[in-house]
């Protein structure tokens, strides 16, 4: 039996095409379902972000001035 390169190439391309189609359809079937709806119960208590923002900004500014003062004093001593 003699293999003709054209027919071998045609068979390989059809096989690759069917493999690609199978993989694509498998991926779409494996997609996750929609998430469940949120529970209708009350929202759990939590700490809002607004409570400590002003205090954090003040601490950051004070720490920044402290570090700048510390670096200037270190350079002056050298």
PDB file of N, CA and C in Angstrom:
ATOM      1  N   UNK A   1       0.840  -1.165   0.000  1.00  0.00           N
ATOM      2  CA  UNK A   1       0.000   0.000   0.000  1.00  0.00           C
ATOM      3  C   UNK A   1       0.892   1.237   0.000  1.00  0.00           C
ATOM      4  N   UNK A   2       0.570   2.150  -0.858  1.00  0.00           N
ATOM      5  CA  UNK A   2       1.379   3.338  -1.019  1.00  0.00           C
ATOM      6  C   UNK A   2       0.627   4.535  -0.422  1.00  0.00           C
ATOM      7  N   UNK A   3       1.324   5.293   0.461  1.00  0.00           N
ATOM      8  CA  UNK A   3       0.734   6.484   1.062  1.00  0.00           C
ATOM      9  C   UNK A   3       1.036   7.693   0.195  1.00  0.00           C
ATOM     10  N   UNK A   4      -0.002   8.400  -0.133  1.00  0.00           N
ATOM     11  CA  UNK A   4       0.146   9.617  -0.913  1.00  0.00           C
ATOM     12  C   UNK A   4       0.162  10.783   0.085  1.00  0.00           C
ATOM     13  N   UNK A   5       1.168  11.663   0.010  1.00  0.00           N
ATOM     14  CA  UNK A   5       1.269  12.736   0.995  1.00  0.00           C
ATOM     15  C   UNK A   5       0.034  13.628   1.073  1.00  0.00           C
ATOM     16  N   UNK A   6      -0.658  13.866  -0.050  1.00  0.00           N
ATOM     17  CA  UNK A   6      -1.838  14.726  -0.024  1.00  0.00           C
ATOM     18  C   UNK A   6      -2.947  14.115   0.825  1.00  0.00           C
ATOM     19  N   UNK A   7      -3.207  12.843   0.679  1.00  0.00           N
ATOM     20  CA  UNK A   7      -4.269  12.221   1.462  1.00  0.00           C
ATOM     21  C   UNK A   7      -3.877  12.131   2.930  1.00  0.00           C
ATOM     22  N   UNK A   8      -2.627  11.877   3.224  1.00  0.00           N
ATOM     23  CA  UNK A   8      -2.182  11.825   4.611  1.00  0.00           C
ATOM     24  C   UNK A   8      -2.356  13.192   5.257  1.00  0.00           C
ATOM     25  N   UNK A   9      -2.015  14.251   4.527  1.00  0.00           N
ATOM     26  CA  UNK A   9      -2.176  15.604   5.040  1.00  0.00           C
ATOM     27  C   UNK A   9      -3.655  15.935   5.248  1.00  0.00           C
ATOM     28  N   UNK A  10      -4.514  15.505   4.340  1.00  0.00           N
ATOM     29  CA  UNK A  10      -5.947  15.762   4.468  1.00  0.00           C
ATOM     30  C   UNK A  10      -6.516  15.022   5.677  1.00  0.00           C
ATOM     31  N   UNK A  11      -6.080  13.804   5.893  1.00  0.00           N
ATOM     32  CA  UNK A  11      -6.568  13.030   7.040  1.00  0.00           C
ATOM     33  C   UNK A  11      -6.092  13.673   8.342  1.00  0.00           C
ATOM     34  N   UNK A  12      -4.827  14.107   8.376  1.00  0.00           N
ATOM     35  CA  UNK A  12      -4.293  14.737   9.577  1.00  0.00           C
ATOM     36  C   UNK A  12      -5.009  16.052   9.881  1.00  0.00           C
ATOM     37  N   UNK A  13      -5.290  16.830   8.852  1.00  0.00           N
ATOM     38  CA  UNK A  13      -5.967  18.106   9.096  1.00  0.00           C
ATOM     39  C   UNK A  13      -7.390  17.879   9.591  1.00  0.00           C
ATOM     40  N   UNK A  14      -8.084  16.863   9.056  1.00  0.00           N
ATOM     41  CA  UNK A  14      -9.432  16.555   9.541  1.00  0.00           C
ATOM     42  C   UNK A  14      -9.393  16.059  10.981  1.00  0.00           C
ATOM     43  N   UNK A  15      -8.381  15.261  11.308  1.00  0.00           N
ATOM     44  CA  UNK A  15      -8.247  14.759  12.671  1.00  0.00           C
ATOM     45  C   UNK A  15      -7.969  15.902  13.646  1.00  0.00           C
ATOM     46  N   UNK A  16      -7.086  16.815  13.267  1.00  0.00           N
ATOM     47  CA  UNK A  16      -6.786  17.958  14.128  1.00  0.00           C
ATOM     48  C   UNK A  16      -7.998  18.875  14.289  1.00  0.00           C
ATOM     49  N   UNK A  17      -8.749  19.069  13.224  1.00  0.00           N
ATOM     50  CA  UNK A  17      -9.952  19.892  13.293  1.00  0.00           C
ATOM     51  C   UNK A  17     -10.986  19.265  14.220  1.00  0.00           C
ATOM     52  N   UNK A  18     -11.190  17.969  14.109  1.00  0.00           N
ATOM     53  CA  UNK A  18     -12.169  17.321  14.986  1.00  0.00           C
ATOM     54  C   UNK A  18     -11.693  17.332  16.439  1.00  0.00           C
ATOM     55  N   UNK A  19     -10.383  17.195  16.663  1.00  0.00           N
ATOM     56  CA  UNK A  19      -9.847  17.259  18.015  1.00  0.00           C
ATOM     57  C   UNK A  19     -10.046  18.660  18.601  1.00  0.00           C
ATOM     58  N   UNK A  20      -9.792  19.687  17.794  1.00  0.00           N
ATOM     59  CA  UNK A  20      -9.978  21.061  18.258  1.00  0.00           C
ATOM     60  C   UNK A  20     -11.444  21.334  18.578  1.00  0.00           C
ATOM     61  N   UNK A  21     -12.344  20.885  17.739  1.00  0.00           N
ATOM     62  CA  UNK A  21     -13.773  21.085  17.998  1.00  0.00           C
ATOM     63  C   UNK A  21     -14.221  20.355  19.260  1.00  0.00           C
ATOM     64  N   UNK A  22     -13.693  19.166  19.477  1.00  0.00           N
ATOM     65  CA  UNK A  22     -14.028  18.409  20.682  1.00  0.00           C
ATOM     66  C   UNK A  22     -13.545  19.142  21.927  1.00  0.00           C
ATOM     67  N   UNK A  23     -12.326  19.696  21.864  1.00  0.00           N
ATOM     68  CA  UNK A  23     -11.784  20.410  23.021  1.00  0.00           C
ATOM     69  C   UNK A  23     -12.592  21.677  23.305  1.00  0.00           C
ATOM     70  N   UNK A  24     -12.970  22.402  22.278  1.00  0.00           N
ATOM     71  CA  UNK A  24     -13.740  23.630  22.475  1.00  0.00           C
ATOM     72  C   UNK A  24     -15.113  23.314  23.051  1.00  0.00           C
ATOM     73  N   UNK A  25     -15.758  22.303  22.559  1.00  0.00           N
ATOM     74  CA  UNK A  25     -17.076  21.966  23.092  1.00  0.00           C
ATOM     75  C   UNK A  25     -16.963  21.437  24.517  1.00  0.00           C
ATOM     76  N   UNK A  26     -15.882  20.751  24.833  1.00  0.00           N
ATOM     77  CA  UNK A  26     -15.685  20.262  26.197  1.00  0.00           C
ATOM     78  C   UNK A  26     -15.474  21.394  27.169  1.00  0.00           C
ATOM     79  N   UNK A  27     -14.782  22.427  26.742  1.00  0.00           N
ATOM     80  CA  UNK A  27     -14.552  23.577  27.614  1.00  0.00           C
ATOM     81  C   UNK A  27     -15.867  24.298  27.895  1.00  0.00           C
ATOM     82  N   UNK A  28     -16.704  24.435  26.882  1.00  0.00           N
ATOM     83  CA  UNK A  28     -17.966  25.137  27.099  1.00  0.00           C
ATOM     84  C   UNK A  28     -18.906  24.331  27.994  1.00  0.00           C
ATOM     85  N   UNK A  29     -18.814  23.013  27.950  1.00  0.00           N
ATOM     86  CA  UNK A  29     -19.655  22.199  28.820  1.00  0.00           C
ATOM     87  C   UNK A  29     -19.148  22.205  30.255  1.00  0.00           C
ATOM     88  N   UNK A  30     -17.860  22.455  30.450  1.00  0.00           N
ATOM     89  CA  UNK A  30     -17.286  22.443  31.788  1.00  0.00           C
ATOM     90  C   UNK A  30     -17.360  23.806  32.458  1.00  0.00           C
ATOM     91  N   UNK A  31     -17.990  24.777  31.835  1.00  0.00           N
ATOM     92  CA  UNK A  31     -18.097  26.115  32.420  1.00  0.00           C
ATOM     93  C   UNK A  31     -18.914  26.040  33.706  1.00  0.00           C
ATOM     94  N   UNK A  32     -18.529  26.821  34.717  1.00  0.00           N
ATOM     95  CA  UNK A  32     -19.269  26.762  35.994  1.00  0.00           C
ATOM     96  C   UNK A  32     -20.653  27.384  35.866  1.00  0.00           C
ATOM     97  N   UNK A  33     -21.533  26.938  36.735  1.00  0.00           N
ATOM     98  CA  UNK A  33     -22.891  27.485  36.772  1.00  0.00           C
ATOM     99  C   UNK A  33     -22.864  28.872  37.391  1.00  0.00           C
ATOM    100  N   UNK A  34     -23.983  29.568  37.285  1.00  0.00           N
ATOM    101  CA  UNK A  34     -24.085  30.889  37.891  1.00  0.00           C
ATOM    102  C   UNK A  34     -24.024  30.749  39.414  1.00  0.00           C
ATOM    103  N   UNK A  35     -23.444  31.727  40.107  1.00  0.00           N
ATOM    104  CA  UNK A  35     -23.377  31.630  41.566  1.00  0.00           C
ATOM    105  C   UNK A  35     -24.764  31.737  42.183  1.00  0.00           C
ATOM    106  N   UNK A  36     -24.940  31.181  43.359  1.00  0.00           N
ATOM    107  CA  UNK A  36     -26.256  31.250  44.004  1.00  0.00           C
ATOM    108  C   UNK A  36     -26.573  32.681  44.412  1.00  0.00           C
ATOM    109  N   UNK A  37     -27.846  33.019  44.529  1.00  0.00           N
ATOM    110  CA  UNK A  37     -28.217  34.379  44.934  1.00  0.00           C
ATOM    111  C   UNK A  37     -27.798  34.629  46.384  1.00  0.00           C
ATOM    112  N   UNK A  38     -27.572  35.878  46.748  1.00  0.00           N
ATOM    113  CA  UNK A  38     -27.169  36.171  48.136  1.00  0.00           C
ATOM    114  C   UNK A  38     -28.285  35.844  49.110  1.00  0.00           C
ATOM    115  N   UNK A  39     -27.874  35.534  50.322  1.00  0.00           N
ATOM    116  CA  UNK A  39     -28.874  35.176  51.328  1.00  0.00           C
ATOM    117  C   UNK A  39     -29.683  36.406  51.724  1.00  0.00           C
ATOM    118  N   UNK A  40     -30.975  36.240  51.978  1.00  0.00           N
ATOM    119  CA  UNK A  40     -31.827  37.392  52.299  1.00  0.00           C
ATOM    120  C   UNK A  40     -31.684  37.867  53.739  1.00  0.00           C
ATOM    121  N   UNK A  41     -30.791  37.272  54.516  1.00  0.00           N
ATOM    122  CA  UNK A  41     -30.638  37.642  55.921  1.00  0.00           C
ATOM    123  C   UNK A  41     -29.982  39.002  56.094  1.00  0.00           C
ATOM    124  N   UNK A  42     -29.869  39.446  57.337  1.00  0.00           N
ATOM    125  CA  UNK A  42     -29.246  40.752  57.603  1.00  0.00           C
ATOM    126  C   UNK A  42     -27.756  40.715  57.287  1.00  0.00           C
ATOM    127  N   UNK A  43     -27.218  41.876  57.007  1.00  0.00           N
ATOM    128  CA  UNK A  43     -25.796  41.990  56.704  1.00  0.00           C
ATOM    129  C   UNK A  43     -25.007  41.814  57.999  1.00  0.00           C
ATOM    130  N   UNK A  44     -23.944  40.997  57.994  1.00  0.00           N
ATOM    131  CA  UNK A  44     -23.181  40.813  59.232  1.00  0.00           C
ATOM    132  C   UNK A  44     -22.486  42.110  59.635  1.00  0.00           C
ATOM    133  N   UNK A  45     -22.340  42.337  60.929  1.00  0.00           N
ATOM    134  CA  UNK A  45     -21.700  43.585  61.365  1.00  0.00           C
ATOM    135  C   UNK A  45     -20.226  43.592  60.982  1.00  0.00           C
ATOM    136  N   UNK A  46     -19.748  44.746  60.645  1.00  0.00           N
ATOM    137  CA  UNK A  46     -18.352  44.898  60.286  1.00  0.00           C
ATOM    138  C   UNK A  46     -17.897  46.308  60.602  1.00  0.00           C
ATOM    139  N   UNK A  47     -16.611  46.506  60.546  1.00  0.00           N
ATOM    140  CA  UNK A  47     -16.080  47.830  60.825  1.00  0.00           C
ATOM    141  C   UNK A  47     -16.020  48.622  59.532  1.00  0.00           C
ATOM    142  N   UNK A  48     -16.705  49.742  59.463  1.00  0.00           N
ATOM    143  CA  UNK A  48     -16.621  50.545  58.248  1.00  0.00           C
ATOM    144  C   UNK A  48     -15.229  51.168  58.125  1.00  0.00           C
ATOM    145  N   UNK A  49     -14.829  51.454  56.916  1.00  0.00           N
ATOM    146  CA  UNK A  49     -13.496  51.980  56.679  1.00  0.00           C
ATOM    147  C   UNK A  49     -13.376  53.432  57.133  1.00  0.00           C
ATOM    148  N   UNK A  50     -14.472  54.141  57.303  1.00  0.00           N
ATOM    149  CA  UNK A  50     -14.433  55.559  57.645  1.00  0.00           C
ATOM    150  C   UNK A  50     -14.000  55.830  59.084  1.00  0.00           C
ATOM    151  N   UNK A  51     -14.093  54.862  59.962  1.00  0.00           N
ATOM    152  CA  UNK A  51     -13.830  55.123  61.382  1.00  0.00           C
ATOM    153  C   UNK A  51     -12.419  55.602  61.665  1.00  0.00           C
ATOM    154  N   UNK A  52     -11.403  55.016  61.060  1.00  0.00           N
ATOM    155  CA  UNK A  52     -10.038  55.349  61.440  1.00  0.00           C
ATOM    156  C   UNK A  52      -9.233  56.056  60.377  1.00  0.00           C
ATOM    157  N   UNK A  53      -9.862  56.527  59.317  1.00  0.00           N
ATOM    158  CA  UNK A  53      -9.120  57.127  58.211  1.00  0.00           C
ATOM    159  C   UNK A  53      -8.443  58.423  58.631  1.00  0.00           C
ATOM    160  N   UNK A  54      -9.135  59.271  59.364  1.00  0.00           N
ATOM    161  CA  UNK A  54      -8.556  60.556  59.779  1.00  0.00           C
ATOM    162  C   UNK A  54      -7.369  60.314  60.713  1.00  0.00           C
ATOM    163  N   UNK A  55      -7.518  59.380  61.635  1.00  0.00           N
ATOM    164  CA  UNK A  55      -6.424  59.058  62.543  1.00  0.00           C
ATOM    165  C   UNK A  55      -5.222  58.508  61.778  1.00  0.00           C
ATOM    166  N   UNK A  56      -5.465  57.667  60.795  1.00  0.00           N
ATOM    167  CA  UNK A  56      -4.364  57.121  59.994  1.00  0.00           C
ATOM    168  C   UNK A  56      -3.649  58.205  59.195  1.00  0.00           C
ATOM    169  N   UNK A  57      -4.394  59.156  58.641  1.00  0.00           N
ATOM    170  CA  UNK A  57      -3.779  60.250  57.878  1.00  0.00           C
ATOM    171  C   UNK A  57      -2.930  61.120  58.798  1.00  0.00           C
ATOM    172  N   UNK A  58      -3.437  61.430  59.982  1.00  0.00           N
ATOM    173  CA  UNK A  58      -2.678  62.241  60.939  1.00  0.00           C
ATOM    174  C   UNK A  58      -1.394  61.517  61.352  1.00  0.00           C
ATOM    175  N   UNK A  59      -1.495  60.229  61.641  1.00  0.00           N
ATOM    176  CA  UNK A  59      -0.304  59.451  62.010  1.00  0.00           C
ATOM    177  C   UNK A  59       0.706  59.414  60.862  1.00  0.00           C
ATOM    178  N   UNK A  60       0.236  59.275  59.639  1.00  0.00           N
ATOM    179  CA  UNK A  60       1.135  59.234  58.488  1.00  0.00           C
ATOM    180  C   UNK A  60       1.855  60.565  58.309  1.00  0.00           C
ATOM    181  N   UNK A  61       1.155  61.678  58.485  1.00  0.00           N
ATOM    182  CA  UNK A  61       1.778  63.002  58.339  1.00  0.00           C
ATOM    183  C   UNK A  61       2.813  63.215  59.435  1.00  0.00           C
ATOM    184  N   UNK A  62       2.472  62.882  60.676  1.00  0.00           N
ATOM    185  CA  UNK A  62       3.409  63.042  61.791  1.00  0.00           C
ATOM    186  C   UNK A  62       4.639  62.156  61.579  1.00  0.00           C
ATOM    187  N   UNK A  63       4.434  60.922  61.170  1.00  0.00           N
ATOM    188  CA  UNK A  63       5.562  60.020  60.922  1.00  0.00           C
ATOM    189  C   UNK A  63       6.427  60.536  59.775  1.00  0.00           C
ATOM    190  N   UNK A  64       5.805  61.105  58.740  1.00  0.00           N
ATOM    191  CA  UNK A  64       6.559  61.673  57.628  1.00  0.00           C
ATOM    192  C   UNK A  64       7.437  62.828  58.076  1.00  0.00           C
ATOM    193  N   UNK A  65       6.875  63.749  58.873  1.00  0.00           N
ATOM    194  CA  UNK A  65       7.678  64.857  59.399  1.00  0.00           C
ATOM    195  C   UNK A  65       8.812  64.351  60.288  1.00  0.00           C
ATOM    196  N   UNK A  66       8.542  63.317  61.086  1.00  0.00           N
ATOM    197  CA  UNK A  66       9.570  62.737  61.951  1.00  0.00           C
ATOM    198  C   UNK A  66      10.720  62.177  61.118  1.00  0.00           C
ATOM    199  N   UNK A  67      10.393  61.424  60.054  1.00  0.00           N
ATOM    200  CA  UNK A  67      11.438  60.824  59.215  1.00  0.00           C
ATOM    201  C   UNK A  67      12.238  61.911  58.489  1.00  0.00           C
ATOM    202  N   UNK A  68      11.575  62.965  58.003  1.00  0.00           N
ATOM    203  CA  UNK A  68      12.280  64.053  57.330  1.00  0.00           C
ATOM    204  C   UNK A  68      13.227  64.744  58.314  1.00  0.00           C
ATOM    205  N   UNK A  69      12.756  65.012  59.526  1.00  0.00           N
ATOM    206  CA  UNK A  69      13.590  65.637  60.554  1.00  0.00           C
ATOM    207  C   UNK A  69      14.780  64.738  60.901  1.00  0.00           C
ATOM    208  N   UNK A  70      14.552  63.443  61.008  1.00  0.00           N
ATOM    209  CA  UNK A  70      15.598  62.486  61.341  1.00  0.00           C
ATOM    210  C   UNK A  70      16.663  62.441  60.238  1.00  0.00           C
ATOM    211  N   UNK A  71      16.255  62.454  58.979  1.00  0.00           N
ATOM    212  CA  UNK A  71      17.207  62.403  57.869  1.00  0.00           C
ATOM    213  C   UNK A  71      18.008  63.700  57.800  1.00  0.00           C
ATOM    214  N   UNK A  72      17.370  64.848  58.010  1.00  0.00           N
ATOM    215  CA  UNK A  72      18.082  66.140  57.982  1.00  0.00           C
ATOM    216  C   UNK A  72      19.119  66.211  59.101  1.00  0.00           C
ATOM    217  N   UNK A  73      18.787  65.725  60.299  1.00  0.00           N
ATOM    218  CA  UNK A  73      19.741  65.722  61.398  1.00  0.00           C
ATOM    219  C   UNK A  73      20.911  64.787  61.134  1.00  0.00           C
ATOM    220  N   UNK A  74      20.654  63.664  60.511  1.00  0.00           N
ATOM    221  CA  UNK A  74      21.717  62.708  60.203  1.00  0.00           C
ATOM    222  C   UNK A  74      22.682  63.324  59.186  1.00  0.00           C
ATOM    223  N   UNK A  75      22.168  64.049  58.171  1.00  0.00           N
ATOM    224  CA  UNK A  75      23.020  64.684  57.174  1.00  0.00           C
ATOM    225  C   UNK A  75      23.819  65.826  57.807  1.00  0.00           C
ATOM    226  N   UNK A  76      23.220  66.550  58.749  1.00  0.00           N
ATOM    227  CA  UNK A  76      23.918  67.666  59.390  1.00  0.00           C
ATOM    228  C   UNK A  76      25.068  67.182  60.248  1.00  0.00           C
ATOM    229  N   UNK A  77      24.963  65.999  60.846  1.00  0.00           N
ATOM    230  CA  UNK A  77      26.022  65.444  61.693  1.00  0.00           C
ATOM    231  C   UNK A  77      27.208  64.967  60.866  1.00  0.00           C
ATOM    232  N   UNK A  78      26.988  64.589  59.619  1.00  0.00           N
ATOM    233  CA  UNK A  78      28.074  64.088  58.769  1.00  0.00           C
ATOM    234  C   UNK A  78      28.927  65.184  58.340  1.00  0.00           C
TER     235      UNK A  78
END
